[in-house]
Amino acid sequence: MNTEILLADDHQIVRDGLKSLIEKQPSMRVVGEASNGRDVVRLAGELQPDVIILDIGMPELNGIDATRQIKGQYPLIKILALSMQSDSRFVAQMLSVGASGYLLKDCAFEELSRAIRTVIDGQTYLSPGITSQVIKDYVRRINTSDQSEGHFLTPREREVIQLLAEGLSTKDIAAHLIISVKTVETHRTQIMEKLDMHSIAQLTKYAIREGLTRLED
């Protein structure tokens, strides 16, 4: 069964090149082309392709907003962004509105073909050239958010919250960590203030969510 593809790029030469390469693949077929964002939204509804290969910098309606509209109306259509922009902000925005992948225009066709097959299989594809930067930026944002909101816990506080979540008493935690009961109480107070939580139940949920502990099997 052929994978039906809609091409969306405002440069005719780019669409022609992609179409020529794609149609050499035995299981892929280009069913339509669009030169602006509004046309790609319209054609998505008319043609119901399996995959849309979409440039971010589209006239009339940019690729990010076009993706948001398409995924809102036709959630089963997979969208692959193909762009010159390697900035992780664009990658993050495309993924956040529902794109299944992001490739750079300087990639080889073999990579595009692999990306199409990857998203058809229900997975996400990112060009190797941008993957590491996206991960670094994500980690940086998480760390910045955690610190600005007072969510950053010291290694000792992480130990204490894990033991609290696992049901140990203050006395038991003190013995386990070889510190005083008063020190444990101080850590618990500081943890609750940082996390703006007011019960052991809340701390337990936080510890499970953050991977500090887990529910018993």
Protein backbone atom coordinates (compact mmCIF):
# COMPACT_ATOMS: atom_id res chain seq x y z
CA MET A 1 0.00 0.00 0.00
CA ASN A 2 1.40 3.37 -1.03
CA THR A 3 2.14 6.14 1.44
CA GLU A 4 0.34 9.22 0.09
CA ILE A 5 2.27 12.46 0.53
CA LEU A 6 1.36 16.13 0.24
CA LEU A 7 4.24 18.54 -0.45
CA ALA A 8 4.06 22.06 0.97
CA ASP A 9 6.79 24.52 0.03
CA ASP A 10 6.62 27.95 -1.57
CA HIS A 11 9.48 27.15 -3.96
CA GLN A 12 8.44 25.23 -7.07
CA ILE A 13 11.96 23.91 -7.61
CA VAL A 14 11.99 22.37 -4.13
CA ARG A 15 8.64 20.67 -4.70
CA ASP A 16 9.74 19.40 -8.10
CA GLY A 17 12.93 17.95 -6.66
CA LEU A 18 11.16 16.28 -3.76
CA LYS A 19 8.43 14.88 -5.99
CA SER A 20 10.95 13.39 -8.39
CA LEU A 21 12.85 11.68 -5.59
CA ILE A 22 9.79 10.50 -3.66
CA GLU A 23 8.12 8.95 -6.69
CA LYS A 24 11.18 6.81 -7.31
CA GLN A 25 10.29 5.01 -4.09
CA PRO A 26 8.07 2.00 -4.81
CA SER A 27 5.79 2.58 -1.81
CA MET A 28 5.40 6.39 -1.89
CA ARG A 29 3.27 8.68 -4.01
CA VAL A 30 2.86 12.45 -4.12
CA VAL A 31 -0.86 13.24 -4.25
CA GLY A 32 -0.71 17.04 -4.10
CA GLU A 33 1.33 20.20 -3.75
CA ALA A 34 0.79 23.49 -1.94
CA SER A 35 2.71 26.76 -2.20
CA ASN A 36 1.22 28.50 0.85
CA GLY A 37 -0.05 27.63 4.28
CA ARG A 38 -3.73 28.12 3.60
CA ASP A 39 -3.62 25.84 0.59
CA VAL A 40 -1.93 23.08 2.56
CA VAL A 41 -4.69 23.21 5.19
CA ARG A 42 -7.33 23.04 2.47
CA LEU A 43 -5.60 20.23 0.59
CA ALA A 44 -5.07 18.27 3.80
CA GLY A 45 -8.85 18.07 4.13
CA GLU A 46 -9.48 17.35 0.46
CA LEU A 47 -6.76 14.75 -0.07
CA GLN A 48 -6.38 13.24 3.41
CA PRO A 49 -2.73 12.28 2.79
CA ASP A 50 -0.79 10.01 5.10
CA VAL A 51 2.08 12.48 5.43
CA ILE A 52 2.56 16.19 4.78
CA ILE A 53 6.10 17.43 4.17
CA LEU A 54 5.90 21.06 5.21
CA ASP A 55 8.22 24.04 5.16
CA ILE A 56 7.92 26.31 8.20
CA GLY A 57 8.36 29.55 6.27
CA MET A 58 5.16 29.37 4.22
CA PRO A 59 3.39 32.53 2.97
CA GLU A 60 -0.13 33.46 4.08
CA LEU A 61 -0.08 30.98 6.95
CA ASN A 62 3.19 29.85 8.49
CA GLY A 63 3.99 26.18 8.90
CA ILE A 64 3.53 26.21 12.66
CA ASP A 65 -0.01 27.60 12.53
CA ALA A 66 -0.84 25.45 9.50
CA THR A 67 0.26 22.38 11.45
CA ARG A 68 -1.86 23.42 14.43
CA GLN A 69 -4.94 23.73 12.22
CA ILE A 70 -4.32 20.49 10.35
CA LYS A 71 -3.72 18.44 13.47
CA GLY A 72 -6.77 20.00 15.11
CA GLN A 73 -8.99 18.90 12.22
CA TYR A 74 -7.20 15.81 10.92
CA PRO A 75 -5.21 14.31 13.80
CA LEU A 76 -4.26 11.13 11.92
CA ILE A 77 -2.23 13.00 9.29
CA LYS A 78 1.49 12.92 10.03
CA ILE A 79 3.44 16.13 9.48
CA LEU A 80 7.15 16.34 8.78
CA ALA A 81 8.72 19.78 8.98
CA LEU A 82 11.45 20.35 6.39
CA SER A 83 13.23 23.61 7.10
CA MET A 84 16.48 25.56 6.90
CA GLN A 85 15.90 26.61 10.52
CA SER A 86 17.88 24.54 13.03
CA ASP A 87 16.97 26.77 16.00
CA SER A 88 15.54 24.54 18.71
CA ARG A 89 12.74 27.05 19.33
CA PHE A 90 11.25 26.26 15.94
CA VAL A 91 11.68 22.54 16.50
CA ALA A 92 9.96 22.77 19.88
CA GLN A 93 7.08 24.82 18.47
CA MET A 94 6.49 22.39 15.62
CA LEU A 95 6.52 19.40 17.93
CA SER A 96 4.24 21.16 20.40
CA VAL A 97 1.54 21.72 17.76
CA GLY A 98 1.63 18.12 16.60
CA ALA A 99 4.39 17.62 14.03
CA SER A 100 5.80 14.10 14.02
CA GLY A 101 9.24 15.05 12.81
CA TYR A 102 11.68 17.80 11.91
CA LEU A 103 14.36 17.66 9.23
CA LEU A 104 16.84 20.16 7.87
CA LYS A 105 16.74 20.94 4.16
CA ASP A 106 20.37 20.01 3.73
CA CYS A 107 19.65 16.40 4.66
CA ALA A 108 20.14 13.60 2.14
CA PHE A 109 17.05 12.09 0.54
CA GLU A 110 17.80 8.79 2.28
CA GLU A 111 17.17 10.57 5.57
CA LEU A 112 13.87 12.02 4.38
CA SER A 113 12.76 8.59 3.20
CA ARG A 114 13.72 7.13 6.60
CA ALA A 115 11.86 9.92 8.38
CA ILE A 116 8.69 9.29 6.37
CA ARG A 117 8.76 5.62 7.29
CA THR A 118 9.48 6.46 10.92
CA VAL A 119 6.48 8.75 11.35
CA ILE A 120 4.21 6.34 9.48
CA ASP A 121 5.18 3.80 12.14
CA GLY A 122 3.93 6.20 14.81
CA GLN A 123 7.32 7.44 15.99
CA THR A 124 8.94 10.88 16.07
CA TYR A 125 11.90 11.72 13.86
CA LEU A 126 14.46 14.48 14.40
CA SER A 127 17.49 15.13 12.22
CA PRO A 128 20.66 14.04 14.02
CA GLY A 129 22.04 17.55 13.53
CA ILE A 130 19.39 19.08 15.79
CA THR A 131 18.64 16.29 18.25
CA SER A 132 21.48 17.03 20.68
CA GLN A 133 20.75 20.76 20.72
CA VAL A 134 17.05 20.18 21.36
CA ILE A 135 17.88 17.91 24.30
CA LYS A 136 20.38 20.41 25.73
CA ASP A 137 17.88 23.26 25.46
CA TYR A 138 15.14 21.15 27.04
CA VAL A 139 17.38 20.27 29.99
CA ARG A 140 18.39 23.91 30.37
CA ARG A 141 14.77 25.06 30.41
CA ILE A 142 13.87 22.42 32.98
CA ASN A 143 16.75 23.44 35.22
CA THR A 144 15.97 27.14 34.85
CA SER A 145 12.30 26.54 35.60
CA ASP A 146 13.06 24.38 38.59
CA GLN A 147 15.43 26.90 40.12
CA SER A 148 13.24 29.92 39.46
CA GLU A 149 10.27 28.20 41.09
CA GLY A 150 12.28 27.02 44.05
CA HIS A 151 11.99 23.40 42.98
CA PHE A 152 15.68 22.63 43.08
CA LEU A 153 16.43 20.11 45.78
CA THR A 154 19.87 19.38 47.18
CA PRO A 155 21.14 15.78 47.06
CA ARG A 156 20.41 15.43 50.78
CA GLU A 157 16.88 16.77 50.37
CA ARG A 158 16.32 14.25 47.57
CA GLU A 159 17.39 11.49 49.93
CA VAL A 160 15.05 12.74 52.64
CA ILE A 161 12.04 13.09 50.34
CA GLN A 162 12.59 9.58 49.00
CA LEU A 163 12.68 8.11 52.48
CA LEU A 164 9.62 10.10 53.52
CA ALA A 165 7.78 8.85 50.46
CA GLU A 166 8.77 5.30 51.30
CA GLY A 167 7.15 5.58 54.71
CA LEU A 168 10.09 6.00 57.08
CA SER A 169 9.56 8.00 60.25
CA THR A 170 11.65 11.02 61.10
CA LYS A 171 13.58 8.95 63.65
CA ASP A 172 14.22 6.17 61.14
CA ILE A 173 15.41 8.66 58.50
CA ALA A 174 17.79 10.22 61.01
CA ALA A 175 19.24 6.81 61.80
CA HIS A 176 19.42 5.84 58.14
CA LEU A 177 21.28 9.02 57.12
CA ILE A 178 23.24 9.29 60.39
CA ILE A 179 21.94 12.79 61.14
CA SER A 180 19.90 14.22 63.97
CA VAL A 181 16.10 14.14 64.16
CA LYS A 182 16.15 17.94 64.21
CA THR A 183 18.14 18.03 60.99
CA VAL A 184 15.63 15.73 59.31
CA GLU A 185 12.79 17.99 60.44
CA THR A 186 14.66 21.01 59.05
CA HIS A 187 15.14 19.27 55.70
CA ARG A 188 11.46 18.32 55.57
CA THR A 189 10.41 21.91 56.28
CA GLN A 190 12.74 23.24 53.57
CA ILE A 191 11.53 20.68 51.06
CA MET A 192 7.91 21.56 51.66
CA GLU A 193 8.66 25.27 51.34
CA LYS A 194 10.57 24.80 48.09
CA LEU A 195 7.88 22.61 46.58
CA ASP A 196 4.97 24.50 48.14
CA MET A 197 3.58 21.23 49.46
CA HIS A 198 1.97 20.65 52.83
CA SER A 199 1.61 16.91 53.36
CA ILE A 200 3.51 13.65 53.07
CA ALA A 201 0.96 12.51 50.49
CA GLN A 202 1.88 15.44 48.24
CA LEU A 203 5.58 14.74 48.72
CA THR A 204 5.02 11.09 47.87
CA LYS A 205 3.26 11.96 44.61
CA TYR A 206 6.10 14.34 43.75
CA ALA A 207 8.74 11.68 44.48
CA ILE A 208 7.00 9.16 42.25
CA ARG A 209 6.52 11.67 39.44
CA GLU A 210 10.18 12.73 39.57
CA GLY A 211 11.45 9.16 39.65
CA LEU A 212 12.82 9.42 43.19
CA THR A 213 10.80 6.37 44.20
CA ARG A 214 8.11 4.20 42.68
CA LEU A 215 4.90 2.50 43.61
CA GLU A 216 5.32 -0.99 44.97
CA ASP A 217 4.42 -3.74 42.51
